[in-house]
Amino acid sequence: MNLDAITQGHLVKRAILDQIITQARSQVQATNSIYNQFKNLLDPMETWRHGHYRNLACMLDMSINTLKYYVQEGDHLKQNNRKKILQFLGYPPNSWDTLEQEAIFKLLAKKLSV
């Protein structure tokens, strides 16, 4: 694998994680949300520990080990975990490519507006 592919894969993962974290924080802060108890997700991601990942995994209906692996090391997810992320973010099933494209555009727009 060449460096460009690694960089591109990392950028896509970072963009998708940014979408997930933004959505999770929005739900935590929402009035009368069932996720109000997950206030620790508002902490900077660099400081996250086991409890943070546990709460996000609960929101995504995903294994904590799978989530931690994806965040910390991996670039790939199995189809069933991709569907869970798509559902959490409000995308139709089997639209992972669309999510990747839109997540990158949103991340770039966010970085450019800062």
PDB file of N, CA and C in Angstrom:
ATOM      1  N   MET A   1       0.855  -1.182   0.000  1.00  0.00           N
ATOM      2  CA  MET A   1       0.000   0.000   0.000  1.00  0.00           C
ATOM      3  C   MET A   1       0.893   1.235   0.000  1.00  0.00           C
ATOM      4  N   ASN A   2       0.569   2.179  -0.825  1.00  0.00           N
ATOM      5  CA  ASN A   2       1.389   3.383  -0.890  1.00  0.00           C
ATOM      6  C   ASN A   2       0.932   4.422   0.136  1.00  0.00           C
ATOM      7  N   LEU A   3       1.770   5.411   0.320  1.00  0.00           N
ATOM      8  CA  LEU A   3       1.506   6.444   1.321  1.00  0.00           C
ATOM      9  C   LEU A   3       0.230   7.220   1.027  1.00  0.00           C
ATOM     10  N   ASP A   4      -0.064   7.486  -0.234  1.00  0.00           N
ATOM     11  CA  ASP A   4      -1.277   8.217  -0.597  1.00  0.00           C
ATOM     12  C   ASP A   4      -2.527   7.466  -0.172  1.00  0.00           C
ATOM     13  N   ALA A   5      -2.538   6.153  -0.350  1.00  0.00           N
ATOM     14  CA  ALA A   5      -3.690   5.345   0.047  1.00  0.00           C
ATOM     15  C   ALA A   5      -3.865   5.362   1.559  1.00  0.00           C
ATOM     16  N   ILE A   6      -2.756   5.300   2.301  1.00  0.00           N
ATOM     17  CA  ILE A   6      -2.829   5.354   3.766  1.00  0.00           C
ATOM     18  C   ILE A   6      -3.360   6.705   4.210  1.00  0.00           C
ATOM     19  N   THR A   7      -2.843   7.766   3.627  1.00  0.00           N
ATOM     20  CA  THR A   7      -3.290   9.112   3.987  1.00  0.00           C
ATOM     21  C   THR A   7      -4.763   9.303   3.648  1.00  0.00           C
ATOM     22  N   GLN A   8      -5.172   8.832   2.487  1.00  0.00           N
ATOM     23  CA  GLN A   8      -6.569   8.961   2.084  1.00  0.00           C
ATOM     24  C   GLN A   8      -7.476   8.169   3.024  1.00  0.00           C
ATOM     25  N   GLY A   9      -7.091   6.939   3.370  1.00  0.00           N
ATOM     26  CA  GLY A   9      -7.879   6.121   4.287  1.00  0.00           C
ATOM     27  C   GLY A   9      -8.000   6.772   5.645  1.00  0.00           C
ATOM     28  N   HIS A  10      -6.909   7.374   6.119  1.00  0.00           N
ATOM     29  CA  HIS A  10      -6.933   8.054   7.412  1.00  0.00           C
ATOM     30  C   HIS A  10      -7.847   9.275   7.372  1.00  0.00           C
ATOM     31  N   LEU A  11      -7.794  10.017   6.280  1.00  0.00           N
ATOM     32  CA  LEU A  11      -8.645  11.194   6.135  1.00  0.00           C
ATOM     33  C   LEU A  11     -10.124  10.811   6.126  1.00  0.00           C
ATOM     34  N   VAL A  12     -10.457   9.746   5.417  1.00  0.00           N
ATOM     35  CA  VAL A  12     -11.844   9.283   5.355  1.00  0.00           C
ATOM     36  C   VAL A  12     -12.305   8.861   6.747  1.00  0.00           C
ATOM     37  N   LYS A  13     -11.474   8.086   7.437  1.00  0.00           N
ATOM     38  CA  LYS A  13     -11.837   7.651   8.792  1.00  0.00           C
ATOM     39  C   LYS A  13     -12.023   8.855   9.713  1.00  0.00           C
ATOM     40  N   ARG A  14     -11.119   9.803   9.651  1.00  0.00           N
ATOM     41  CA  ARG A  14     -11.215  10.999  10.503  1.00  0.00           C
ATOM     42  C   ARG A  14     -12.493  11.779  10.202  1.00  0.00           C
ATOM     43  N   ALA A  15     -12.837  11.871   8.938  1.00  0.00           N
ATOM     44  CA  ALA A  15     -14.048  12.596   8.548  1.00  0.00           C
ATOM     45  C   ALA A  15     -15.301  11.886   9.063  1.00  0.00           C
ATOM     46  N   ILE A  16     -15.336  10.567   8.959  1.00  0.00           N
ATOM     47  CA  ILE A  16     -16.489   9.814   9.448  1.00  0.00           C
ATOM     48  C   ILE A  16     -16.570   9.902  10.964  1.00  0.00           C
ATOM     49  N   LEU A  17     -15.431   9.789  11.645  1.00  0.00           N
ATOM     50  CA  LEU A  17     -15.438   9.922  13.103  1.00  0.00           C
ATOM     51  C   LEU A  17     -15.921  11.299  13.533  1.00  0.00           C
ATOM     52  N   ASP A  18     -15.542  12.315  12.781  1.00  0.00           N
ATOM     53  CA  ASP A  18     -16.002  13.664  13.092  1.00  0.00           C
ATOM     54  C   ASP A  18     -17.533  13.746  12.996  1.00  0.00           C
ATOM     55  N   GLN A  19     -18.101  13.115  11.982  1.00  0.00           N
ATOM     56  CA  GLN A  19     -19.562  13.079  11.835  1.00  0.00           C
ATOM     57  C   GLN A  19     -20.208  12.333  13.003  1.00  0.00           C
ATOM     58  N   ILE A  20     -19.630  11.200  13.379  1.00  0.00           N
ATOM     59  CA  ILE A  20     -20.175  10.407  14.482  1.00  0.00           C
ATOM     60  C   ILE A  20     -20.128  11.198  15.786  1.00  0.00           C
ATOM     61  N   ILE A  21     -18.988  11.798  16.083  1.00  0.00           N
ATOM     62  CA  ILE A  21     -18.823  12.549  17.331  1.00  0.00           C
ATOM     63  C   ILE A  21     -19.752  13.759  17.351  1.00  0.00           C
ATOM     64  N   THR A  22     -19.871  14.459  16.245  1.00  0.00           N
ATOM     65  CA  THR A  22     -20.772  15.612  16.173  1.00  0.00           C
ATOM     66  C   THR A  22     -22.208  15.194  16.441  1.00  0.00           C
ATOM     67  N   GLN A  23     -22.645  14.098  15.820  1.00  0.00           N
ATOM     68  CA  GLN A  23     -24.008  13.606  16.019  1.00  0.00           C
ATOM     69  C   GLN A  23     -24.209  13.147  17.459  1.00  0.00           C
ATOM     70  N   ALA A  24     -23.237  12.437  18.015  1.00  0.00           N
ATOM     71  CA  ALA A  24     -23.351  11.952  19.397  1.00  0.00           C
ATOM     72  C   ALA A  24     -23.445  13.120  20.371  1.00  0.00           C
ATOM     73  N   ARG A  25     -22.603  14.106  20.197  1.00  0.00           N
ATOM     74  CA  ARG A  25     -22.633  15.272  21.090  1.00  0.00           C
ATOM     75  C   ARG A  25     -23.935  16.045  20.957  1.00  0.00           C
ATOM     76  N   SER A  26     -24.459  16.116  19.762  1.00  0.00           N
ATOM     77  CA  SER A  26     -25.740  16.771  19.538  1.00  0.00           C
ATOM     78  C   SER A  26     -26.850  16.041  20.295  1.00  0.00           C
ATOM     79  N   GLN A  27     -26.828  14.726  20.241  1.00  0.00           N
ATOM     80  CA  GLN A  27     -27.852  13.951  20.941  1.00  0.00           C
ATOM     81  C   GLN A  27     -27.699  14.039  22.455  1.00  0.00           C
ATOM     82  N   VAL A  28     -26.460  14.094  22.938  1.00  0.00           N
ATOM     83  CA  VAL A  28     -26.225  14.219  24.380  1.00  0.00           C
ATOM     84  C   VAL A  28     -26.766  15.565  24.884  1.00  0.00           C
ATOM     85  N   GLN A  29     -26.597  16.604  24.100  1.00  0.00           N
ATOM     86  CA  GLN A  29     -27.012  17.946  24.517  1.00  0.00           C
ATOM     87  C   GLN A  29     -28.486  18.239  24.271  1.00  0.00           C
ATOM     88  N   ALA A  30     -29.158  17.376  23.539  1.00  0.00           N
ATOM     89  CA  ALA A  30     -30.574  17.607  23.221  1.00  0.00           C
ATOM     90  C   ALA A  30     -31.431  17.517  24.483  1.00  0.00           C
ATOM     91  N   THR A  31     -32.438  18.356  24.535  1.00  0.00           N
ATOM     92  CA  THR A  31     -33.368  18.345  25.663  1.00  0.00           C
ATOM     93  C   THR A  31     -34.141  17.034  25.671  1.00  0.00           C
ATOM     94  N   ASN A  32     -34.312  16.462  26.838  1.00  0.00           N
ATOM     95  CA  ASN A  32     -35.052  15.217  27.038  1.00  0.00           C
ATOM     96  C   ASN A  32     -34.486  14.046  26.240  1.00  0.00           C
ATOM     97  N   SER A  33     -33.194  14.075  25.977  1.00  0.00           N
ATOM     98  CA  SER A  33     -32.549  12.980  25.258  1.00  0.00           C
ATOM     99  C   SER A  33     -32.309  11.815  26.201  1.00  0.00           C
ATOM    100  N   ILE A  34     -32.440  10.607  25.676  1.00  0.00           N
ATOM    101  CA  ILE A  34     -32.133   9.441  26.502  1.00  0.00           C
ATOM    102  C   ILE A  34     -30.633   9.317  26.737  1.00  0.00           C
ATOM    103  N   TYR A  35     -29.852  10.120  26.034  1.00  0.00           N
ATOM    104  CA  TYR A  35     -28.403  10.072  26.156  1.00  0.00           C
ATOM    105  C   TYR A  35     -27.833  11.190  27.032  1.00  0.00           C
ATOM    106  N   ASN A  36     -28.663  11.911  27.774  1.00  0.00           N
ATOM    107  CA  ASN A  36     -28.177  12.992  28.626  1.00  0.00           C
ATOM    108  C   ASN A  36     -27.134  12.527  29.640  1.00  0.00           C
ATOM    109  N   GLN A  37     -27.194  11.257  30.019  1.00  0.00           N
ATOM    110  CA  GLN A  37     -26.242  10.725  31.001  1.00  0.00           C
ATOM    111  C   GLN A  37     -24.840  10.526  30.417  1.00  0.00           C
ATOM    112  N   PHE A  38     -24.702  10.655  29.115  1.00  0.00           N
ATOM    113  CA  PHE A  38     -23.416  10.432  28.461  1.00  0.00           C
ATOM    114  C   PHE A  38     -22.642  11.734  28.274  1.00  0.00           C
ATOM    115  N   LYS A  39     -22.710  12.629  29.231  1.00  0.00           N
ATOM    116  CA  LYS A  39     -22.066  13.943  29.140  1.00  0.00           C
ATOM    117  C   LYS A  39     -20.560  13.855  28.920  1.00  0.00           C
ATOM    118  N   ASN A  40     -19.948  12.719  29.301  1.00  0.00           N
ATOM    119  CA  ASN A  40     -18.500  12.611  29.117  1.00  0.00           C
ATOM    120  C   ASN A  40     -18.106  12.630  27.635  1.00  0.00           C
ATOM    121  N   LEU A  41     -19.052  12.390  26.735  1.00  0.00           N
ATOM    122  CA  LEU A  41     -18.738  12.446  25.303  1.00  0.00           C
ATOM    123  C   LEU A  41     -18.453  13.873  24.834  1.00  0.00           C
ATOM    124  N   LEU A  42     -18.755  14.847  25.685  1.00  0.00           N
ATOM    125  CA  LEU A  42     -18.459  16.238  25.355  1.00  0.00           C
ATOM    126  C   LEU A  42     -16.987  16.571  25.596  1.00  0.00           C
ATOM    127  N   ASP A  43     -16.262  15.679  26.290  1.00  0.00           N
ATOM    128  CA  ASP A  43     -14.832  15.878  26.537  1.00  0.00           C
ATOM    129  C   ASP A  43     -14.065  15.819  25.206  1.00  0.00           C
ATOM    130  N   PRO A  44     -12.914  16.498  25.142  1.00  0.00           N
ATOM    131  CA  PRO A  44     -12.094  16.395  23.927  1.00  0.00           C
ATOM    132  C   PRO A  44     -11.727  14.933  23.666  1.00  0.00           C
ATOM    133  N   MET A  45     -11.783  14.516  22.421  1.00  0.00           N
ATOM    134  CA  MET A  45     -11.556  13.116  22.079  1.00  0.00           C
ATOM    135  C   MET A  45     -10.146  12.642  22.466  1.00  0.00           C
ATOM    136  N   GLU A  46      -9.186  13.530  22.503  1.00  0.00           N
ATOM    137  CA  GLU A  46      -7.823  13.155  22.876  1.00  0.00           C
ATOM    138  C   GLU A  46      -7.745  12.656  24.317  1.00  0.00           C
ATOM    139  N   THR A  47      -8.722  13.006  25.137  1.00  0.00           N
ATOM    140  CA  THR A  47      -8.708  12.610  26.554  1.00  0.00           C
ATOM    141  C   THR A  47      -9.610  11.413  26.837  1.00  0.00           C
ATOM    142  N   TRP A  48     -10.209  10.857  25.810  1.00  0.00           N
ATOM    143  CA  TRP A  48     -11.164   9.763  26.014  1.00  0.00           C
ATOM    144  C   TRP A  48     -10.515   8.536  26.620  1.00  0.00           C
ATOM    145  N   ARG A  49     -11.292   7.881  27.505  1.00  0.00           N
ATOM    146  CA  ARG A  49     -10.888   6.638  28.137  1.00  0.00           C
ATOM    147  C   ARG A  49     -11.982   5.600  27.890  1.00  0.00           C
ATOM    148  N   HIS A  50     -11.901   4.513  28.594  1.00  0.00           N
ATOM    149  CA  HIS A  50     -12.818   3.393  28.372  1.00  0.00           C
ATOM    150  C   HIS A  50     -14.295   3.808  28.465  1.00  0.00           C
ATOM    151  N   GLY A  51     -14.646   4.603  29.449  1.00  0.00           N
ATOM    152  CA  GLY A  51     -16.040   5.013  29.640  1.00  0.00           C
ATOM    153  C   GLY A  51     -16.598   5.814  28.473  1.00  0.00           C
ATOM    154  N   HIS A  52     -15.768   6.619  27.875  1.00  0.00           N
ATOM    155  CA  HIS A  52     -16.189   7.391  26.711  1.00  0.00           C
ATOM    156  C   HIS A  52     -16.548   6.461  25.555  1.00  0.00           C
ATOM    157  N   TYR A  53     -15.645   5.520  25.294  1.00  0.00           N
ATOM    158  CA  TYR A  53     -15.889   4.567  24.202  1.00  0.00           C
ATOM    159  C   TYR A  53     -17.088   3.671  24.495  1.00  0.00           C
ATOM    160  N   ARG A  54     -17.262   3.315  25.757  1.00  0.00           N
ATOM    161  CA  ARG A  54     -18.415   2.494  26.145  1.00  0.00           C
ATOM    162  C   ARG A  54     -19.714   3.218  25.840  1.00  0.00           C
ATOM    163  N   ASN A  55     -19.786   4.495  26.186  1.00  0.00           N
ATOM    164  CA  ASN A  55     -21.004   5.262  25.932  1.00  0.00           C
ATOM    165  C   ASN A  55     -21.265   5.447  24.444  1.00  0.00           C
ATOM    166  N   LEU A  56     -20.221   5.746  23.682  1.00  0.00           N
ATOM    167  CA  LEU A  56     -20.413   5.905  22.242  1.00  0.00           C
ATOM    168  C   LEU A  56     -20.794   4.566  21.604  1.00  0.00           C
ATOM    169  N   ALA A  57     -20.181   3.496  22.045  1.00  0.00           N
ATOM    170  CA  ALA A  57     -20.528   2.162  21.524  1.00  0.00           C
ATOM    171  C   ALA A  57     -21.988   1.844  21.819  1.00  0.00           C
ATOM    172  N   CYS A  58     -22.465   2.245  22.970  1.00  0.00           N
ATOM    173  CA  CYS A  58     -23.870   2.046  23.320  1.00  0.00           C
ATOM    174  C   CYS A  58     -24.768   2.831  22.367  1.00  0.00           C
ATOM    175  N   MET A  59     -24.416   4.048  22.083  1.00  0.00           N
ATOM    176  CA  MET A  59     -25.211   4.868  21.175  1.00  0.00           C
ATOM    177  C   MET A  59     -25.243   4.274  19.774  1.00  0.00           C
ATOM    178  N   LEU A  60     -24.115   3.685  19.348  1.00  0.00           N
ATOM    179  CA  LEU A  60     -24.010   3.120  18.009  1.00  0.00           C
ATOM    180  C   LEU A  60     -24.516   1.681  17.934  1.00  0.00           C
ATOM    181  N   ASP A  61     -24.793   1.091  19.098  1.00  0.00           N
ATOM    182  CA  ASP A  61     -25.177  -0.324  19.162  1.00  0.00           C
ATOM    183  C   ASP A  61     -24.072  -1.185  18.553  1.00  0.00           C
ATOM    184  N   MET A  62     -22.846  -0.892  18.980  1.00  0.00           N
ATOM    185  CA  MET A  62     -21.662  -1.530  18.413  1.00  0.00           C
ATOM    186  C   MET A  62     -20.798  -2.052  19.564  1.00  0.00           C
ATOM    187  N   SER A  63     -20.032  -3.075  19.309  1.00  0.00           N
ATOM    188  CA  SER A  63     -19.091  -3.600  20.293  1.00  0.00           C
ATOM    189  C   SER A  63     -18.060  -2.533  20.639  1.00  0.00           C
ATOM    190  N   ILE A  64     -17.746  -2.410  21.922  1.00  0.00           N
ATOM    191  CA  ILE A  64     -16.741  -1.429  22.337  1.00  0.00           C
ATOM    192  C   ILE A  64     -15.379  -1.763  21.738  1.00  0.00           C
ATOM    193  N   ASN A  65     -15.064  -3.044  21.629  1.00  0.00           N
ATOM    194  CA  ASN A  65     -13.778  -3.433  21.043  1.00  0.00           C
ATOM    195  C   ASN A  65     -13.701  -3.042  19.571  1.00  0.00           C
ATOM    196  N   THR A  66     -14.788  -3.223  18.843  1.00  0.00           N
ATOM    197  CA  THR A  66     -14.821  -2.834  17.428  1.00  0.00           C
ATOM    198  C   THR A  66     -14.659  -1.330  17.296  1.00  0.00           C
ATOM    199  N   LEU A  67     -15.367  -0.579  18.126  1.00  0.00           N
ATOM    200  CA  LEU A  67     -15.281   0.881  18.072  1.00  0.00           C
ATOM    201  C   LEU A  67     -13.873   1.353  18.403  1.00  0.00           C
ATOM    202  N   LYS A  68     -13.284   0.837  19.464  1.00  0.00           N
ATOM    203  CA  LYS A  68     -11.934   1.248  19.841  1.00  0.00           C
ATOM    204  C   LYS A  68     -10.925   0.908  18.741  1.00  0.00           C
ATOM    205  N   TYR A  69     -11.065  -0.271  18.156  1.00  0.00           N
ATOM    206  CA  TYR A  69     -10.167  -0.657  17.076  1.00  0.00           C
ATOM    207  C   TYR A  69     -10.290   0.312  15.902  1.00  0.00           C
ATOM    208  N   TYR A  70     -11.517   0.633  15.524  1.00  0.00           N
ATOM    209  CA  TYR A  70     -11.725   1.535  14.392  1.00  0.00           C
ATOM    210  C   TYR A  70     -11.148   2.922  14.686  1.00  0.00           C
ATOM    211  N   VAL A  71     -11.377   3.417  15.877  1.00  0.00           N
ATOM    212  CA  VAL A  71     -10.897   4.758  16.232  1.00  0.00           C
ATOM    213  C   VAL A  71      -9.371   4.793  16.322  1.00  0.00           C
ATOM    214  N   GLN A  72      -8.795   3.776  16.934  1.00  0.00           N
ATOM    215  CA  GLN A  72      -7.370   3.831  17.249  1.00  0.00           C
ATOM    216  C   GLN A  72      -6.470   3.224  16.177  1.00  0.00           C
ATOM    217  N   GLU A  73      -6.943   2.215  15.433  1.00  0.00           N
ATOM    218  CA  GLU A  73      -6.032   1.509  14.540  1.00  0.00           C
ATOM    219  C   GLU A  73      -6.589   1.266  13.140  1.00  0.00           C
ATOM    220  N   GLY A  74      -7.813   0.794  13.057  1.00  0.00           N
ATOM    221  CA  GLY A  74      -8.332   0.283  11.800  1.00  0.00           C
ATOM    222  C   GLY A  74      -8.934   1.330  10.893  1.00  0.00           C
ATOM    223  N   ASP A  75      -8.993   0.953   9.629  1.00  0.00           N
ATOM    224  CA  ASP A  75      -9.647   1.796   8.631  1.00  0.00           C
ATOM    225  C   ASP A  75     -10.874   1.116   8.051  1.00  0.00           C
ATOM    226  N   HIS A  76     -11.097  -0.126   8.432  1.00  0.00           N
ATOM    227  CA  HIS A  76     -12.174  -0.897   7.819  1.00  0.00           C
ATOM    228  C   HIS A  76     -13.140  -1.407   8.880  1.00  0.00           C
ATOM    229  N   LEU A  77     -14.391  -1.497   8.496  1.00  0.00           N
ATOM    230  CA  LEU A  77     -15.442  -2.056   9.347  1.00  0.00           C
ATOM    231  C   LEU A  77     -16.218  -3.088   8.549  1.00  0.00           C
ATOM    232  N   LYS A  78     -16.729  -4.076   9.247  1.00  0.00           N
ATOM    233  CA  LYS A  78     -17.593  -5.047   8.581  1.00  0.00           C
ATOM    234  C   LYS A  78     -18.899  -4.367   8.199  1.00  0.00           C
ATOM    235  N   GLN A  79     -19.587  -4.973   7.250  1.00  0.00           N
ATOM    236  CA  GLN A  79     -20.813  -4.396   6.699  1.00  0.00           C
ATOM    237  C   GLN A  79     -21.866  -4.119   7.779  1.00  0.00           C
ATOM    238  N   ASN A  80     -22.034  -5.034   8.735  1.00  0.00           N
ATOM    239  CA  ASN A  80     -23.060  -4.824   9.757  1.00  0.00           C
ATOM    240  C   ASN A  80     -22.741  -3.613  10.643  1.00  0.00           C
ATOM    241  N   ASN A  81     -21.462  -3.355  10.913  1.00  0.00           N
ATOM    242  CA  ASN A  81     -21.090  -2.181  11.697  1.00  0.00           C
ATOM    243  C   ASN A  81     -21.210  -0.902  10.873  1.00  0.00           C
ATOM    244  N   ARG A  82     -20.948  -0.997   9.586  1.00  0.00           N
ATOM    245  CA  ARG A  82     -21.157   0.164   8.718  1.00  0.00           C
ATOM    246  C   ARG A  82     -22.638   0.548   8.709  1.00  0.00           C
ATOM    247  N   LYS A  83     -23.506  -0.445   8.649  1.00  0.00           N
ATOM    248  CA  LYS A  83     -24.948  -0.170   8.650  1.00  0.00           C
ATOM    249  C   LYS A  83     -25.377   0.508   9.946  1.00  0.00           C
ATOM    250  N   LYS A  84     -24.788   0.127  11.066  1.00  0.00           N
ATOM    251  CA  LYS A  84     -25.116   0.760  12.348  1.00  0.00           C
ATOM    252  C   LYS A  84     -24.709   2.231  12.348  1.00  0.00           C
ATOM    253  N   ILE A  85     -23.539   2.519  11.794  1.00  0.00           N
ATOM    254  CA  ILE A  85     -23.086   3.910  11.706  1.00  0.00           C
ATOM    255  C   ILE A  85     -23.974   4.698  10.754  1.00  0.00           C
ATOM    256  N   LEU A  86     -24.306   4.105   9.625  1.00  0.00           N
ATOM    257  CA  LEU A  86     -25.201   4.768   8.669  1.00  0.00           C
ATOM    258  C   LEU A  86     -26.541   5.087   9.318  1.00  0.00           C
ATOM    259  N   GLN A  87     -27.089   4.149  10.054  1.00  0.00           N
ATOM    260  CA  GLN A  87     -28.372   4.369  10.720  1.00  0.00           C
ATOM    261  C   GLN A  87     -28.252   5.481  11.761  1.00  0.00           C
ATOM    262  N   PHE A  88     -27.176   5.466  12.544  1.00  0.00           N
ATOM    263  CA  PHE A  88     -26.967   6.479  13.570  1.00  0.00           C
ATOM    264  C   PHE A  88     -26.881   7.877  12.968  1.00  0.00           C
ATOM    265  N   LEU A  89     -26.251   7.964  11.803  1.00  0.00           N
ATOM    266  CA  LEU A  89     -26.073   9.261  11.153  1.00  0.00           C
ATOM    267  C   LEU A  89     -27.235   9.642  10.238  1.00  0.00           C
ATOM    268  N   GLY A  90     -28.229   8.762  10.112  1.00  0.00           N
ATOM    269  CA  GLY A  90     -29.419   9.083   9.328  1.00  0.00           C
ATOM    270  C   GLY A  90     -29.285   8.817   7.841  1.00  0.00           C
ATOM    271  N   TYR A  91     -28.359   7.971   7.462  1.00  0.00           N
ATOM    272  CA  TYR A  91     -28.180   7.608   6.050  1.00  0.00           C
ATOM    273  C   TYR A  91     -28.933   6.314   5.764  1.00  0.00           C
ATOM    274  N   PRO A  92     -29.345   6.123   4.516  1.00  0.00           N
ATOM    275  CA  PRO A  92     -29.971   4.848   4.156  1.00  0.00           C
ATOM    276  C   PRO A  92     -28.932   3.723   4.174  1.00  0.00           C
ATOM    277  N   PRO A  93     -29.382   2.484   4.364  1.00  0.00           N
ATOM    278  CA  PRO A  93     -28.446   1.357   4.327  1.00  0.00           C
ATOM    279  C   PRO A  93     -27.720   1.299   2.975  1.00  0.00           C
ATOM    280  N   ASN A  94     -26.544   0.763   3.000  1.00  0.00           N
ATOM    281  CA  ASN A  94     -25.733   0.573   1.789  1.00  0.00           C
ATOM    282  C   ASN A  94     -25.344   1.882   1.105  1.00  0.00           C
ATOM    283  N   SER A  95     -25.203   2.953   1.862  1.00  0.00           N
ATOM    284  CA  SER A  95     -24.782   4.229   1.269  1.00  0.00           C
ATOM    285  C   SER A  95     -23.452   4.682   1.879  1.00  0.00           C
ATOM    286  N   TRP A  96     -22.574   3.722   2.165  1.00  0.00           N
ATOM    287  CA  TRP A  96     -21.287   4.035   2.794  1.00  0.00           C
ATOM    288  C   TRP A  96     -20.451   4.984   1.933  1.00  0.00           C
ATOM    289  N   ASP A  97     -20.455   4.772   0.630  1.00  0.00           N
ATOM    290  CA  ASP A  97     -19.688   5.651  -0.270  1.00  0.00           C
ATOM    291  C   ASP A  97     -20.180   7.091  -0.185  1.00  0.00           C
ATOM    292  N   THR A  98     -21.481   7.262  -0.102  1.00  0.00           N
ATOM    293  CA  THR A  98     -22.065   8.595   0.031  1.00  0.00           C
ATOM    294  C   THR A  98     -21.624   9.228   1.347  1.00  0.00           C
ATOM    295  N   LEU A  99     -21.664   8.454   2.425  1.00  0.00           N
ATOM    296  CA  LEU A  99     -21.219   8.958   3.728  1.00  0.00           C
ATOM    297  C   LEU A  99     -19.763   9.397   3.658  1.00  0.00           C
ATOM    298  N   GLU A 100     -18.909   8.572   3.061  1.00  0.00           N
ATOM    299  CA  GLU A 100     -17.491   8.937   2.959  1.00  0.00           C
ATOM    300  C   GLU A 100     -17.309  10.267   2.244  1.00  0.00           C
ATOM    301  N   GLN A 101     -17.980  10.440   1.120  1.00  0.00           N
ATOM    302  CA  GLN A 101     -17.846  11.675   0.352  1.00  0.00           C
ATOM    303  C   GLN A 101     -18.362  12.875   1.126  1.00  0.00           C
ATOM    304  N   GLU A 102     -19.556  12.762   1.688  1.00  0.00           N
ATOM    305  CA  GLU A 102     -20.143  13.888   2.410  1.00  0.00           C
ATOM    306  C   GLU A 102     -19.364  14.211   3.679  1.00  0.00           C
ATOM    307  N   ALA A 103     -18.848  13.194   4.352  1.00  0.00           N
ATOM    308  CA  ALA A 103     -18.068  13.423   5.570  1.00  0.00           C
ATOM    309  C   ALA A 103     -16.789  14.191   5.260  1.00  0.00           C
ATOM    310  N   ILE A 104     -16.134  13.837   4.166  1.00  0.00           N
ATOM    311  CA  ILE A 104     -14.915  14.557   3.781  1.00  0.00           C
ATOM    312  C   ILE A 104     -15.233  16.007   3.443  1.00  0.00           C
ATOM    313  N   PHE A 105     -16.288  16.244   2.673  1.00  0.00           N
ATOM    314  CA  PHE A 105     -16.665  17.619   2.331  1.00  0.00           C
ATOM    315  C   PHE A 105     -16.996  18.426   3.587  1.00  0.00           C
ATOM    316  N   LYS A 106     -17.714  17.831   4.522  1.00  0.00           N
ATOM    317  CA  LYS A 106     -18.084  18.537   5.751  1.00  0.00           C
ATOM    318  C   LYS A 106     -16.854  18.820   6.611  1.00  0.00           C
ATOM    319  N   LEU A 107     -15.939  17.864   6.692  1.00  0.00           N
ATOM    320  CA  LEU A 107     -14.713  18.077   7.469  1.00  0.00           C
ATOM    321  C   LEU A 107     -13.875  19.184   6.852  1.00  0.00           C
ATOM    322  N   LEU A 108     -13.722  19.182   5.538  1.00  0.00           N
ATOM    323  CA  LEU A 108     -12.949  20.231   4.878  1.00  0.00           C
ATOM    324  C   LEU A 108     -13.607  21.597   5.051  1.00  0.00           C
ATOM    325  N   ALA A 109     -14.921  21.656   4.939  1.00  0.00           N
ATOM    326  CA  ALA A 109     -15.635  22.915   5.137  1.00  0.00           C
ATOM    327  C   ALA A 109     -15.466  23.408   6.566  1.00  0.00           C
ATOM    328  N   LYS A 110     -15.504  22.497   7.500  1.00  0.00           N
ATOM    329  CA  LYS A 110     -15.328  22.852   8.921  1.00  0.00           C
ATOM    330  C   LYS A 110     -13.931  23.406   9.160  1.00  0.00           C
ATOM    331  N   LYS A 111     -12.917  22.777   8.578  1.00  0.00           N
ATOM    332  CA  LYS A 111     -11.529  23.224   8.747  1.00  0.00           C
ATOM    333  C   LYS A 111     -11.293  24.562   8.045  1.00  0.00           C
ATOM    334  N   LEU A 112     -11.933  24.773   6.913  1.00  0.00           N
ATOM    335  CA  LEU A 112     -11.758  26.017   6.197  1.00  0.00           C
ATOM    336  C   LEU A 112     -12.456  27.188   6.871  1.00  0.00           C
ATOM    337  N   SER A 113     -13.526  26.900   7.616  1.00  0.00           N
ATOM    338  CA  SER A 113     -14.280  27.979   8.265  1.00  0.00           C
ATOM    339  C   SER A 113     -13.656  28.408   9.589  1.00  0.00           C
ATOM    340  N   VAL A 114     -12.685  27.666  10.071  1.00  0.00           N
ATOM    341  CA  VAL A 114     -12.049  28.006  11.355  1.00  0.00           C
ATOM    342  C   VAL A 114     -11.011  29.051  11.194  1.00  0.00           C
TER     343      VAL A 114
END
